[in-house]
Amino acid sequence: MDLHHAEHRDLALNECIDQCTQTHAVCLETIQHCLNRGGVLADPDCLALMSTCADMCATSANAMLRGTALHIVICGACVEVCRECADECAEFGDDPALQHCIDACLKCAESCEAMTRG
C-alpha cells in the first residue's frame, strides 16, 4: 500500500499541500501582475521575496507529498517566508492582486505552522 496517496494522508496534511500549491501559483501570478503594472509594484526586493515565497511553498508541498519527516522543518521555513512576503506586499497599498497574495500567504503560513506542531 502506498501511503503517499491523498486518501492515506491526514486531512490537515492534504489541506496544507493544497494551500502551499495554491500560494505558489498566487505568488507567481502576482509577480507577473506587478511586472505588467510596473512602477512601484515592480520593486525588485518585493518581487524577489515573492519569488522566494513561491519556491518555498513548492518545496514544502513537495516534501509533504514525498512523505519525508523533514517537511516539519521545511514548513517552518515556509511560515517565515510567507509571513514576510505578506508583510512586504502590504507595504504597497491596496492593489487587489497584492491583497490576494497577502491572503494566500497568511493562510499558507497558518497551515504550515500547524504542520510544525506535528
Protein backbone atom coordinates (compact mmCIF):
# COMPACT_ATOMS: atom_id res chain seq x y z
CA MET A 1 0.00 0.00 0.00
CA ASP A 2 1.38 3.41 -0.99
CA LEU A 3 0.98 5.84 1.91
CA HIS A 4 1.80 8.83 -0.24
CA HIS A 5 -1.60 8.90 -1.95
CA ALA A 6 -4.01 11.59 -0.77
CA GLU A 7 -6.51 9.11 0.66
CA HIS A 8 -3.87 7.78 3.05
CA ARG A 9 -2.67 11.16 4.33
CA ASP A 10 -4.05 13.17 7.22
CA LEU A 11 -6.68 15.77 6.23
CA ALA A 12 -4.60 18.64 7.65
CA LEU A 13 -1.58 17.48 5.66
CA ASN A 14 -3.62 17.35 2.45
CA GLU A 15 -5.00 20.82 3.14
CA CYS A 16 -1.50 22.16 3.73
CA ILE A 17 -0.27 20.64 0.47
CA ASP A 18 -3.19 22.28 -1.33
CA GLN A 19 -2.57 25.63 0.36
CA CYS A 20 1.15 25.56 -0.45
CA THR A 21 0.41 24.68 -4.07
CA GLN A 22 -2.18 27.42 -4.36
CA THR A 23 0.09 30.02 -2.73
CA HIS A 24 2.93 29.05 -5.06
CA ALA A 25 0.66 29.83 -8.02
CA VAL A 26 -0.69 33.05 -6.48
CA CYS A 27 2.82 34.37 -5.86
CA LEU A 28 3.85 33.66 -9.45
CA GLU A 29 0.68 35.29 -10.79
CA THR A 30 1.22 38.31 -8.55
CA ILE A 31 4.81 38.71 -9.75
CA GLN A 32 3.55 38.83 -13.32
CA HIS A 33 0.82 41.31 -12.34
CA CYS A 34 3.38 43.58 -10.69
CA LEU A 35 5.72 43.43 -13.67
CA ASN A 36 2.85 44.25 -16.02
CA ARG A 37 1.73 47.20 -13.90
CA GLY A 38 5.26 48.47 -13.40
CA GLY A 39 6.14 51.46 -11.31
CA VAL A 40 6.28 50.98 -7.58
CA LEU A 41 4.74 47.49 -7.91
CA ALA A 42 7.82 46.30 -9.80
CA ASP A 43 10.01 46.76 -6.72
CA PRO A 44 12.91 44.29 -7.14
CA ASP A 45 13.09 43.38 -3.45
CA CYS A 46 9.38 42.64 -3.24
CA LEU A 47 9.45 40.61 -6.46
CA ALA A 48 12.45 38.63 -5.21
CA LEU A 49 10.66 37.89 -1.95
CA MET A 50 7.51 36.76 -3.80
CA SER A 51 9.69 34.51 -5.96
CA THR A 52 11.35 33.04 -2.87
CA CYS A 53 7.93 32.54 -1.29
CA ALA A 54 6.69 30.72 -4.40
CA ASP A 55 9.76 28.47 -4.32
CA MET A 56 9.41 27.76 -0.60
CA CYS A 57 5.72 26.90 -0.97
CA ALA A 58 6.51 24.49 -3.81
CA THR A 59 9.34 22.92 -1.80
CA SER A 60 7.06 22.48 1.22
CA ALA A 61 4.34 20.84 -0.87
CA ASN A 62 6.90 18.56 -2.50
CA ALA A 63 8.34 17.47 0.87
CA MET A 64 4.87 16.68 2.19
CA LEU A 65 3.96 14.78 -0.98
CA ARG A 66 7.12 12.70 -0.61
CA GLY A 67 6.22 11.88 2.98
CA THR A 68 9.56 12.97 4.39
CA ALA A 69 9.70 13.84 8.09
CA LEU A 70 11.78 16.87 7.12
CA HIS A 71 8.57 18.52 5.93
CA ILE A 72 8.24 19.81 9.51
CA VAL A 73 11.46 21.82 9.20
CA ILE A 74 10.66 22.95 5.66
CA CYS A 75 7.15 24.02 6.66
CA GLY A 76 8.69 26.05 9.50
CA ALA A 77 10.78 27.96 6.98
CA CYS A 78 7.73 28.38 4.76
CA VAL A 79 5.87 30.02 7.67
CA GLU A 80 8.61 32.64 7.99
CA VAL A 81 8.85 33.36 4.27
CA CYS A 82 5.07 33.54 3.77
CA ARG A 83 4.65 35.97 6.66
CA GLU A 84 7.49 38.15 5.43
CA CYS A 85 6.04 38.12 1.92
CA ALA A 86 2.60 39.13 3.23
CA ASP A 87 4.16 41.97 5.23
CA GLU A 88 6.16 43.17 2.23
CA CYS A 89 3.14 43.09 -0.09
CA ALA A 90 1.13 45.08 2.45
CA GLU A 91 3.63 47.94 2.05
CA PHE A 92 2.40 48.57 -1.50
CA GLY A 93 -1.15 49.68 -0.82
CA ASP A 94 -4.48 48.16 -1.60
CA ASP A 95 -3.91 46.60 -5.02
CA PRO A 96 -6.39 43.67 -5.32
CA ALA A 97 -3.79 41.25 -6.69
CA LEU A 98 -1.41 42.06 -3.84
CA GLN A 99 -4.23 41.63 -1.34
CA HIS A 100 -4.97 38.21 -2.83
CA CYS A 101 -1.28 37.33 -2.42
CA ILE A 102 -1.31 38.58 1.18
CA ASP A 103 -4.36 36.47 1.99
CA ALA A 104 -2.87 33.37 0.36
CA CYS A 105 0.45 33.81 2.16
CA LEU A 106 -1.20 34.23 5.55
CA LYS A 107 -3.39 31.16 5.03
CA CYS A 108 -0.37 29.16 3.91
CA ALA A 109 1.64 30.31 6.93
CA GLU A 110 -1.18 29.24 9.23
CA SER A 111 -1.48 25.85 7.56
CA CYS A 112 2.29 25.25 7.58
CA GLU A 113 2.54 26.33 11.20
CA ALA A 114 0.07 23.58 12.08
CA MET A 115 2.40 21.09 10.35
CA THR A 116 5.34 22.19 12.53
CA ARG A 117 3.44 21.08 15.61
CA GLY A 118 3.35 17.57 14.23
